[in-house]
Amino acid sequence: MNFASMPSVDVASVPADGLVLDVREADEWAAGHVEGALHVPMSDFVARFGEVTEAVADGRRAHVMCRVGGRSAQVTQYLVQQGIDAVNIEGGMLAWDGAGRPMVAEGDAPAFVL
């Protein structure tokens, strides 16, 4: 599968109750993320793959997110190869923030994209 044929969606197409799978690292997540997202850093992805399969066990689509879309594209490709309904979120958290979609941060600080 090449990137051109990878299933992807823009941030506006992600449903408010959709499953967002954030594959960024812990410091990026802490700065700002989609509320209710599943955080499985790409560096831990294979070890924590069971968490992902559990989250999509009911047939839910995984909307995969990183900062700009590169890491999430790799993870989306892997998930699709495993037979999971996954799409890459084009533009990642930068596009999400730019579209004014809601974000939360760890603690009381305002959310931002690191």
Protein backbone atom coordinates (compact mmCIF):
# COMPACT_ATOMS: atom_id res chain seq x y z
CA MET A 1 0.00 0.00 0.00
CA ASN A 2 1.38 3.40 -0.84
CA PHE A 3 0.44 6.63 0.89
CA ALA A 4 -1.71 7.74 -2.06
CA SER A 5 -4.09 4.83 -1.51
CA MET A 6 -4.13 5.12 2.27
CA PRO A 7 -7.55 5.78 3.75
CA SER A 8 -7.56 9.28 5.18
CA VAL A 9 -10.01 11.93 6.32
CA ASP A 10 -9.80 15.63 7.06
CA VAL A 11 -10.35 16.83 10.63
CA ALA A 12 -13.88 18.04 9.88
CA SER A 13 -14.88 14.46 8.96
CA VAL A 14 -13.96 12.98 12.35
CA PRO A 15 -17.21 12.46 14.29
CA ALA A 16 -17.38 14.04 17.74
CA ASP A 17 -17.85 10.56 19.24
CA GLY A 18 -15.31 8.91 16.92
CA LEU A 19 -12.39 6.89 18.24
CA VAL A 20 -9.24 8.99 17.92
CA LEU A 21 -5.99 7.05 18.29
CA ASP A 22 -3.18 9.46 19.18
CA VAL A 23 0.27 8.00 18.42
CA ARG A 24 2.36 10.99 19.57
CA GLU A 25 4.80 10.82 22.46
CA ALA A 26 3.88 11.59 26.09
CA ASP A 27 5.13 15.20 26.10
CA GLU A 28 3.11 16.00 22.97
CA TRP A 29 0.01 14.34 24.47
CA ALA A 30 0.37 16.26 27.75
CA ALA A 31 0.51 19.62 25.93
CA GLY A 32 -2.76 19.07 24.10
CA HIS A 33 -4.91 16.24 22.78
CA VAL A 34 -8.42 15.29 21.73
CA GLU A 35 -10.55 14.61 24.79
CA GLY A 36 -11.39 10.91 25.05
CA ALA A 37 -8.68 9.88 22.60
CA LEU A 38 -6.77 6.63 23.07
CA HIS A 39 -3.09 7.43 23.58
CA VAL A 40 -0.72 4.74 22.34
CA PRO A 41 2.64 6.30 21.37
CA MET A 42 4.12 4.98 18.15
CA SER A 43 7.25 3.96 20.10
CA ASP A 44 5.09 1.61 22.26
CA PHE A 45 2.67 0.63 19.52
CA VAL A 46 3.55 -3.02 18.96
CA ALA A 47 3.77 -3.72 22.71
CA ARG A 48 0.39 -2.06 23.32
CA PHE A 49 -1.37 -3.27 20.17
CA GLY A 50 -3.90 -5.19 22.29
CA GLU A 51 -5.29 -1.91 23.63
CA VAL A 52 -6.00 -0.83 20.07
CA THR A 53 -7.65 -4.11 19.04
CA GLU A 54 -9.78 -3.94 22.19
CA ALA A 55 -10.89 -0.38 21.37
CA VAL A 56 -11.99 -1.38 17.85
CA ALA A 57 -13.43 -4.78 18.81
CA ASP A 58 -16.98 -3.51 18.25
CA GLY A 59 -16.12 -2.59 14.66
CA ARG A 60 -15.37 1.05 15.36
CA ARG A 61 -13.17 2.94 12.95
CA ALA A 62 -9.85 4.17 14.35
CA HIS A 63 -9.03 7.77 13.38
CA VAL A 64 -5.24 7.86 13.72
CA MET A 65 -3.62 11.13 14.78
CA CYS A 66 -0.11 12.54 15.23
CA ARG A 67 1.28 16.06 14.94
CA VAL A 68 1.17 16.52 11.15
CA GLY A 69 0.22 13.11 9.72
CA GLY A 70 3.49 11.25 9.08
CA ARG A 71 3.63 8.89 12.05
CA SER A 72 -0.11 8.35 11.95
CA ALA A 73 0.13 7.42 8.27
CA GLN A 74 2.60 4.64 9.15
CA VAL A 75 0.37 3.38 11.97
CA THR A 76 -2.74 3.55 9.76
CA GLN A 77 -0.96 1.48 7.12
CA TYR A 78 -0.05 -1.12 9.76
CA LEU A 79 -3.61 -1.25 11.15
CA VAL A 80 -5.15 -1.65 7.69
CA GLN A 81 -2.72 -4.52 7.02
CA GLN A 82 -4.06 -6.14 10.22
CA GLY A 83 -7.61 -5.88 8.88
CA ILE A 84 -8.62 -2.98 11.11
CA ASP A 85 -10.83 -0.15 9.82
CA ALA A 86 -8.41 2.75 10.26
CA VAL A 87 -8.02 6.15 8.63
CA ASN A 88 -5.25 8.71 8.86
CA ILE A 89 -6.30 12.19 10.01
CA GLU A 90 -4.81 14.55 7.41
CA GLY A 91 -2.73 17.32 8.93
CA GLY A 92 -2.84 15.78 12.42
CA MET A 93 -3.13 17.87 15.56
CA LEU A 94 -1.99 21.01 13.75
CA ALA A 95 -4.98 20.77 11.41
CA TRP A 96 -7.27 19.82 14.32
CA ASP A 97 -6.20 22.92 16.26
CA GLY A 98 -6.38 25.07 13.12
CA ALA A 99 -9.96 23.94 12.52
CA GLY A 100 -10.90 24.96 16.05
CA ARG A 101 -11.75 21.42 17.14
CA PRO A 102 -11.70 21.01 20.95
CA MET A 103 -8.53 19.98 22.76
CA VAL A 104 -7.59 19.39 26.38
CA ALA A 105 -4.23 19.34 28.19
CA GLU A 106 -2.87 17.57 31.24
CA GLY A 107 -3.28 19.74 34.33
CA ASP A 108 -4.69 23.27 34.22
CA ALA A 109 -2.62 24.69 31.37
CA PRO A 110 -4.31 25.72 28.14
CA ALA A 111 -4.03 23.06 25.42
CA PHE A 112 -1.61 23.58 22.55
CA VAL A 113 0.10 21.49 19.91
CA LEU A 114 3.71 20.72 20.83
